[in-house]
Amino acid sequence: MYWTLELASKLEDAPWPASKDELIDYAMRSCAPLEVIENLQEMEAEGEIYESIEDIWPDYPSKEDFFFNEEEY
């Protein structure tokens, strides 16, 4: 299992909180790349509820990680 920014971003709009099965269903319905679905299927925690993408990939960058000041525009 591996995550990249591009793959993880496909789950950004998922219906959080969600279970593993709900995330797989969302990925299939949203036509996410096969790698996203495979990564979700490889997750071991059955029945666990994930609150956000950070629960799946802790290194997922947040808005604070980018130095973009929205107030300037």
PDB file of N, CA and C in Angstrom:
ATOM      1  N   MET A   1       0.850  -1.171   0.000  1.00  0.00           N
ATOM      2  CA  MET A   1       0.000   0.000   0.000  1.00  0.00           C
ATOM      3  C   MET A   1       0.896   1.234   0.000  1.00  0.00           C
ATOM      4  N   TYR A   2       0.601   2.159  -0.859  1.00  0.00           N
ATOM      5  CA  TYR A   2       1.335   3.414  -0.900  1.00  0.00           C
ATOM      6  C   TYR A   2       0.366   4.534  -1.240  1.00  0.00           C
ATOM      7  N   TRP A   3       0.593   5.680  -0.677  1.00  0.00           N
ATOM      8  CA  TRP A   3      -0.231   6.843  -0.966  1.00  0.00           C
ATOM      9  C   TRP A   3       0.658   7.932  -1.542  1.00  0.00           C
ATOM     10  N   THR A   4       0.104   8.626  -2.495  1.00  0.00           N
ATOM     11  CA  THR A   4       0.740   9.828  -3.021  1.00  0.00           C
ATOM     12  C   THR A   4      -0.264  10.954  -2.850  1.00  0.00           C
ATOM     13  N   LEU A   5       0.182  12.160  -3.009  1.00  0.00           N
ATOM     14  CA  LEU A   5      -0.724  13.293  -2.885  1.00  0.00           C
ATOM     15  C   LEU A   5      -1.865  13.188  -3.891  1.00  0.00           C
ATOM     16  N   GLU A   6      -1.535  12.779  -5.100  1.00  0.00           N
ATOM     17  CA  GLU A   6      -2.557  12.658  -6.140  1.00  0.00           C
ATOM     18  C   GLU A   6      -3.595  11.591  -5.785  1.00  0.00           C
ATOM     19  N   LEU A   7      -3.146  10.433  -5.291  1.00  0.00           N
ATOM     20  CA  LEU A   7      -4.083   9.376  -4.937  1.00  0.00           C
ATOM     21  C   LEU A   7      -4.940   9.762  -3.731  1.00  0.00           C
ATOM     22  N   ALA A   8      -4.321  10.289  -2.703  1.00  0.00           N
ATOM     23  CA  ALA A   8      -5.058  10.652  -1.496  1.00  0.00           C
ATOM     24  C   ALA A   8      -6.054  11.775  -1.761  1.00  0.00           C
ATOM     25  N   SER A   9      -5.740  12.662  -2.683  1.00  0.00           N
ATOM     26  CA  SER A   9      -6.649  13.775  -2.977  1.00  0.00           C
ATOM     27  C   SER A   9      -7.966  13.290  -3.569  1.00  0.00           C
ATOM     28  N   LYS A  10      -7.999  12.087  -4.116  1.00  0.00           N
ATOM     29  CA  LYS A  10      -9.244  11.533  -4.662  1.00  0.00           C
ATOM     30  C   LYS A  10     -10.263  11.255  -3.563  1.00  0.00           C
ATOM     31  N   LEU A  11      -9.800  11.178  -2.315  1.00  0.00           N
ATOM     32  CA  LEU A  11     -10.698  10.918  -1.184  1.00  0.00           C
ATOM     33  C   LEU A  11     -11.016  12.183  -0.387  1.00  0.00           C
ATOM     34  N   GLU A  12     -10.506  13.306  -0.833  1.00  0.00           N
ATOM     35  CA  GLU A  12     -10.687  14.551  -0.093  1.00  0.00           C
ATOM     36  C   GLU A  12     -12.165  14.892   0.105  1.00  0.00           C
ATOM     37  N   ASP A  13     -13.001  14.637  -0.884  1.00  0.00           N
ATOM     38  CA  ASP A  13     -14.427  14.973  -0.806  1.00  0.00           C
ATOM     39  C   ASP A  13     -15.294  13.801  -0.368  1.00  0.00           C
ATOM     40  N   ALA A  14     -14.671  12.760   0.154  1.00  0.00           N
ATOM     41  CA  ALA A  14     -15.432  11.589   0.618  1.00  0.00           C
ATOM     42  C   ALA A  14     -16.351  11.994   1.771  1.00  0.00           C
ATOM     43  N   PRO A  15     -17.406  11.231   1.994  1.00  0.00           N
ATOM     44  CA  PRO A  15     -18.354  11.559   3.073  1.00  0.00           C
ATOM     45  C   PRO A  15     -17.797  11.178   4.443  1.00  0.00           C
ATOM     46  N   TRP A  16     -16.956  12.036   5.008  1.00  0.00           N
ATOM     47  CA  TRP A  16     -16.346  11.770   6.309  1.00  0.00           C
ATOM     48  C   TRP A  16     -17.338  12.030   7.421  1.00  0.00           C
ATOM     49  N   PRO A  17     -17.340  11.330   8.506  1.00  0.00           N
ATOM     50  CA  PRO A  17     -16.603  10.107   8.802  1.00  0.00           C
ATOM     51  C   PRO A  17     -17.136   8.934   7.981  1.00  0.00           C
ATOM     52  N   ALA A  18     -16.267   7.962   7.725  1.00  0.00           N
ATOM     53  CA  ALA A  18     -16.649   6.838   6.873  1.00  0.00           C
ATOM     54  C   ALA A  18     -15.886   5.579   7.281  1.00  0.00           C
ATOM     55  N   SER A  19     -16.516   4.454   6.998  1.00  0.00           N
ATOM     56  CA  SER A  19     -15.861   3.167   7.238  1.00  0.00           C
ATOM     57  C   SER A  19     -15.046   2.785   6.005  1.00  0.00           C
ATOM     58  N   LYS A  20     -14.280   1.744   6.122  1.00  0.00           N
ATOM     59  CA  LYS A  20     -13.475   1.251   5.004  1.00  0.00           C
ATOM     60  C   LYS A  20     -14.377   0.919   3.816  1.00  0.00           C
ATOM     61  N   ASP A  21     -15.479   0.211   4.057  1.00  0.00           N
ATOM     62  CA  ASP A  21     -16.385  -0.166   2.968  1.00  0.00           C
ATOM     63  C   ASP A  21     -17.033   1.052   2.318  1.00  0.00           C
ATOM     64  N   GLU A  22     -17.370   2.052   3.119  1.00  0.00           N
ATOM     65  CA  GLU A  22     -17.957   3.274   2.560  1.00  0.00           C
ATOM     66  C   GLU A  22     -16.948   4.021   1.699  1.00  0.00           C
ATOM     67  N   LEU A  23     -15.689   4.026   2.122  1.00  0.00           N
ATOM     68  CA  LEU A  23     -14.654   4.692   1.327  1.00  0.00           C
ATOM     69  C   LEU A  23     -14.404   3.958   0.015  1.00  0.00           C
ATOM     70  N   ILE A  24     -14.415   2.637   0.046  1.00  0.00           N
ATOM     71  CA  ILE A  24     -14.252   1.859  -1.183  1.00  0.00           C
ATOM     72  C   ILE A  24     -15.415   2.135  -2.121  1.00  0.00           C
ATOM     73  N   ASP A  25     -16.622   2.161  -1.586  1.00  0.00           N
ATOM     74  CA  ASP A  25     -17.809   2.452  -2.394  1.00  0.00           C
ATOM     75  C   ASP A  25     -17.707   3.852  -3.006  1.00  0.00           C
ATOM     76  N   TYR A  26     -17.305   4.830  -2.211  1.00  0.00           N
ATOM     77  CA  TYR A  26     -17.146   6.191  -2.716  1.00  0.00           C
ATOM     78  C   TYR A  26     -16.100   6.240  -3.830  1.00  0.00           C
ATOM     79  N   ALA A  27     -14.973   5.571  -3.616  1.00  0.00           N
ATOM     80  CA  ALA A  27     -13.898   5.573  -4.620  1.00  0.00           C
ATOM     81  C   ALA A  27     -14.381   4.966  -5.931  1.00  0.00           C
ATOM     82  N   MET A  28     -15.160   3.898  -5.839  1.00  0.00           N
ATOM     83  CA  MET A  28     -15.683   3.270  -7.061  1.00  0.00           C
ATOM     84  C   MET A  28     -16.682   4.186  -7.767  1.00  0.00           C
ATOM     85  N   ARG A  29     -17.584   4.797  -7.006  1.00  0.00           N
ATOM     86  CA  ARG A  29     -18.599   5.671  -7.605  1.00  0.00           C
ATOM     87  C   ARG A  29     -17.994   6.942  -8.191  1.00  0.00           C
ATOM     88  N   SER A  30     -16.894   7.414  -7.612  1.00  0.00           N
ATOM     89  CA  SER A  30     -16.281   8.646  -8.103  1.00  0.00           C
ATOM     90  C   SER A  30     -15.206   8.382  -9.163  1.00  0.00           C
ATOM     91  N   CYS A  31     -15.108   7.134  -9.603  1.00  0.00           N
ATOM     92  CA  CYS A  31     -14.146   6.746 -10.646  1.00  0.00           C
ATOM     93  C   CYS A  31     -12.706   7.068 -10.265  1.00  0.00           C
ATOM     94  N   ALA A  32     -12.376   6.817  -9.003  1.00  0.00           N
ATOM     95  CA  ALA A  32     -10.996   7.019  -8.541  1.00  0.00           C
ATOM     96  C   ALA A  32     -10.101   5.981  -9.217  1.00  0.00           C
ATOM     97  N   PRO A  33      -8.828   6.273  -9.345  1.00  0.00           N
ATOM     98  CA  PRO A  33      -7.897   5.300  -9.941  1.00  0.00           C
ATOM     99  C   PRO A  33      -7.906   3.977  -9.170  1.00  0.00           C
ATOM    100  N   LEU A  34      -7.601   2.917  -9.863  1.00  0.00           N
ATOM    101  CA  LEU A  34      -7.595   1.585  -9.267  1.00  0.00           C
ATOM    102  C   LEU A  34      -6.660   1.508  -8.058  1.00  0.00           C
ATOM    103  N   GLU A  35      -5.578   2.264  -8.085  1.00  0.00           N
ATOM    104  CA  GLU A  35      -4.631   2.246  -6.970  1.00  0.00           C
ATOM    105  C   GLU A  35      -5.279   2.707  -5.665  1.00  0.00           C
ATOM    106  N   VAL A  36      -6.201   3.670  -5.742  1.00  0.00           N
ATOM    107  CA  VAL A  36      -6.897   4.150  -4.549  1.00  0.00           C
ATOM    108  C   VAL A  36      -7.742   3.029  -3.958  1.00  0.00           C
ATOM    109  N   ILE A  37      -8.482   2.336  -4.805  1.00  0.00           N
ATOM    110  CA  ILE A  37      -9.346   1.236  -4.347  1.00  0.00           C
ATOM    111  C   ILE A  37      -8.493   0.113  -3.765  1.00  0.00           C
ATOM    112  N   GLU A  38      -7.384  -0.219  -4.421  1.00  0.00           N
ATOM    113  CA  GLU A  38      -6.494  -1.270  -3.907  1.00  0.00           C
ATOM    114  C   GLU A  38      -5.917  -0.880  -2.551  1.00  0.00           C
ATOM    115  N   ASN A  39      -5.512   0.378  -2.395  1.00  0.00           N
ATOM    116  CA  ASN A  39      -4.977   0.840  -1.110  1.00  0.00           C
ATOM    117  C   ASN A  39      -6.026   0.723  -0.016  1.00  0.00           C
ATOM    118  N   LEU A  40      -7.244   1.089  -0.324  1.00  0.00           N
ATOM    119  CA  LEU A  40      -8.310   0.999   0.674  1.00  0.00           C
ATOM    120  C   LEU A  40      -8.591  -0.459   1.038  1.00  0.00           C
ATOM    121  N   GLN A  41      -8.568  -1.341   0.055  1.00  0.00           N
ATOM    122  CA  GLN A  41      -8.820  -2.754   0.323  1.00  0.00           C
ATOM    123  C   GLN A  41      -7.723  -3.370   1.177  1.00  0.00           C
ATOM    124  N   GLU A  42      -6.508  -2.862   1.093  1.00  0.00           N
ATOM    125  CA  GLU A  42      -5.388  -3.393   1.862  1.00  0.00           C
ATOM    126  C   GLU A  42      -5.379  -2.927   3.313  1.00  0.00           C
ATOM    127  N   MET A  43      -6.188  -1.930   3.645  1.00  0.00           N
ATOM    128  CA  MET A  43      -6.224  -1.452   5.027  1.00  0.00           C
ATOM    129  C   MET A  43      -6.738  -2.573   5.918  1.00  0.00           C
ATOM    130  N   GLU A  44      -6.103  -2.750   7.068  1.00  0.00           N
ATOM    131  CA  GLU A  44      -6.403  -3.881   7.934  1.00  0.00           C
ATOM    132  C   GLU A  44      -7.576  -3.653   8.874  1.00  0.00           C
ATOM    133  N   ALA A  45      -7.819  -2.451   9.289  1.00  0.00           N
ATOM    134  CA  ALA A  45      -8.814  -2.167  10.322  1.00  0.00           C
ATOM    135  C   ALA A  45     -10.241  -2.323   9.791  1.00  0.00           C
ATOM    136  N   GLU A  46     -10.864  -3.434  10.117  1.00  0.00           N
ATOM    137  CA  GLU A  46     -12.258  -3.665   9.738  1.00  0.00           C
ATOM    138  C   GLU A  46     -13.168  -3.032  10.793  1.00  0.00           C
ATOM    139  N   GLY A  47     -14.199  -2.366  10.360  1.00  0.00           N
ATOM    140  CA  GLY A  47     -15.173  -1.793  11.275  1.00  0.00           C
ATOM    141  C   GLY A  47     -14.764  -0.462  11.880  1.00  0.00           C
ATOM    142  N   GLU A  48     -13.561  -0.017  11.595  1.00  0.00           N
ATOM    143  CA  GLU A  48     -13.099   1.265  12.136  1.00  0.00           C
ATOM    144  C   GLU A  48     -13.700   2.410  11.330  1.00  0.00           C
ATOM    145  N   ILE A  49     -14.013   3.493  12.020  1.00  0.00           N
ATOM    146  CA  ILE A  49     -14.540   4.677  11.363  1.00  0.00           C
ATOM    147  C   ILE A  49     -13.412   5.698  11.241  1.00  0.00           C
ATOM    148  N   TYR A  50     -13.208   6.193  10.053  1.00  0.00           N
ATOM    149  CA  TYR A  50     -12.165   7.181   9.776  1.00  0.00           C
ATOM    150  C   TYR A  50     -12.802   8.567   9.734  1.00  0.00           C
ATOM    151  N   GLU A  51     -12.222   9.491  10.470  1.00  0.00           N
ATOM    152  CA  GLU A  51     -12.774  10.844  10.571  1.00  0.00           C
ATOM    153  C   GLU A  51     -12.341  11.743   9.410  1.00  0.00           C
ATOM    154  N   SER A  52     -11.166  11.471   8.837  1.00  0.00           N
ATOM    155  CA  SER A  52     -10.652  12.297   7.748  1.00  0.00           C
ATOM    156  C   SER A  52      -9.550  11.534   7.019  1.00  0.00           C
ATOM    157  N   ILE A  53      -9.069  12.121   5.946  1.00  0.00           N
ATOM    158  CA  ILE A  53      -7.998  11.494   5.169  1.00  0.00           C
ATOM    159  C   ILE A  53      -6.731  11.353   6.015  1.00  0.00           C
ATOM    160  N   GLU A  54      -6.554  12.214   7.016  1.00  0.00           N
ATOM    161  CA  GLU A  54      -5.372  12.125   7.875  1.00  0.00           C
ATOM    162  C   GLU A  54      -5.358  10.834   8.693  1.00  0.00           C
ATOM    163  N   ASP A  55      -6.527  10.243   8.947  1.00  0.00           N
ATOM    164  CA  ASP A  55      -6.584   8.960   9.654  1.00  0.00           C
ATOM    165  C   ASP A  55      -6.033   7.829   8.789  1.00  0.00           C
ATOM    166  N   ILE A  56      -6.126   7.985   7.481  1.00  0.00           N
ATOM    167  CA  ILE A  56      -5.644   6.973   6.543  1.00  0.00           C
ATOM    168  C   ILE A  56      -4.186   7.230   6.183  1.00  0.00           C
ATOM    169  N   TRP A  57      -3.878   8.486   5.895  1.00  0.00           N
ATOM    170  CA  TRP A  57      -2.518   8.886   5.515  1.00  0.00           C
ATOM    171  C   TRP A  57      -2.125  10.095   6.360  1.00  0.00           C
ATOM    172  N   PRO A  58      -1.461   9.860   7.491  1.00  0.00           N
ATOM    173  CA  PRO A  58      -1.121  10.955   8.414  1.00  0.00           C
ATOM    174  C   PRO A  58      -0.276  12.064   7.796  1.00  0.00           C
ATOM    175  N   ASP A  59       0.425  11.791   6.723  1.00  0.00           N
ATOM    176  CA  ASP A  59       1.276  12.805   6.091  1.00  0.00           C
ATOM    177  C   ASP A  59       0.541  13.667   5.077  1.00  0.00           C
ATOM    178  N   TYR A  60      -0.778  13.489   4.963  1.00  0.00           N
ATOM    179  CA  TYR A  60      -1.536  14.274   3.987  1.00  0.00           C
ATOM    180  C   TYR A  60      -1.419  15.757   4.340  1.00  0.00           C
ATOM    181  N   PRO A  61      -0.995  16.594   3.406  1.00  0.00           N
ATOM    182  CA  PRO A  61      -0.794  18.013   3.719  1.00  0.00           C
ATOM    183  C   PRO A  61      -2.122  18.747   3.922  1.00  0.00           C
ATOM    184  N   SER A  62      -2.123  19.643   4.869  1.00  0.00           N
ATOM    185  CA  SER A  62      -3.304  20.465   5.118  1.00  0.00           C
ATOM    186  C   SER A  62      -3.096  21.822   4.456  1.00  0.00           C
ATOM    187  N   LYS A  63      -4.101  22.678   4.522  1.00  0.00           N
ATOM    188  CA  LYS A  63      -3.970  24.003   3.926  1.00  0.00           C
ATOM    189  C   LYS A  63      -2.825  24.786   4.566  1.00  0.00           C
ATOM    190  N   GLU A  64      -2.590  24.546   5.845  1.00  0.00           N
ATOM    191  CA  GLU A  64      -1.533  25.260   6.541  1.00  0.00           C
ATOM    192  C   GLU A  64      -0.146  24.881   6.015  1.00  0.00           C
ATOM    193  N   ASP A  65      -0.043  23.724   5.361  1.00  0.00           N
ATOM    194  CA  ASP A  65       1.247  23.285   4.827  1.00  0.00           C
ATOM    195  C   ASP A  65       1.675  24.073   3.595  1.00  0.00           C
ATOM    196  N   PHE A  66       0.720  24.742   2.983  1.00  0.00           N
ATOM    197  CA  PHE A  66       1.033  25.549   1.806  1.00  0.00           C
ATOM    198  C   PHE A  66       1.103  27.001   2.243  1.00  0.00           C
ATOM    199  N   PHE A  67       2.045  27.708   1.744  1.00  0.00           N
ATOM    200  CA  PHE A  67       2.246  29.098   2.149  1.00  0.00           C
ATOM    201  C   PHE A  67       1.499  30.031   1.213  1.00  0.00           C
ATOM    202  N   PHE A  68       0.221  29.857   1.106  1.00  0.00           N
ATOM    203  CA  PHE A  68      -0.617  30.667   0.237  1.00  0.00           C
ATOM    204  C   PHE A  68      -1.534  31.503   1.123  1.00  0.00           C
ATOM    205  N   ASN A  69      -1.426  32.786   1.007  1.00  0.00           N
ATOM    206  CA  ASN A  69      -2.241  33.681   1.814  1.00  0.00           C
ATOM    207  C   ASN A  69      -3.481  34.073   1.022  1.00  0.00           C
ATOM    208  N   GLU A  70      -4.626  33.482   1.343  1.00  0.00           N
ATOM    209  CA  GLU A  70      -5.865  33.729   0.606  1.00  0.00           C
ATOM    210  C   GLU A  70      -6.357  35.158   0.784  1.00  0.00           C
ATOM    211  N   GLU A  71      -5.979  35.811   1.881  1.00  0.00           N
ATOM    212  CA  GLU A  71      -6.447  37.166   2.147  1.00  0.00           C
ATOM    213  C   GLU A  71      -5.829  38.196   1.212  1.00  0.00           C
ATOM    214  N   GLU A  72      -4.730  37.834   0.561  1.00  0.00           N
ATOM    215  CA  GLU A  72      -4.080  38.763  -0.354  1.00  0.00           C
ATOM    216  C   GLU A  72      -4.833  38.910  -1.663  1.00  0.00           C
ATOM    217  N   TYR A  73      -5.723  37.978  -1.954  1.00  0.00           N
ATOM    218  CA  TYR A  73      -6.388  37.995  -3.257  1.00  0.00           C
ATOM    219  C   TYR A  73      -7.842  38.262  -3.150  1.00  0.00           C
TER     220      TYR A  73
END
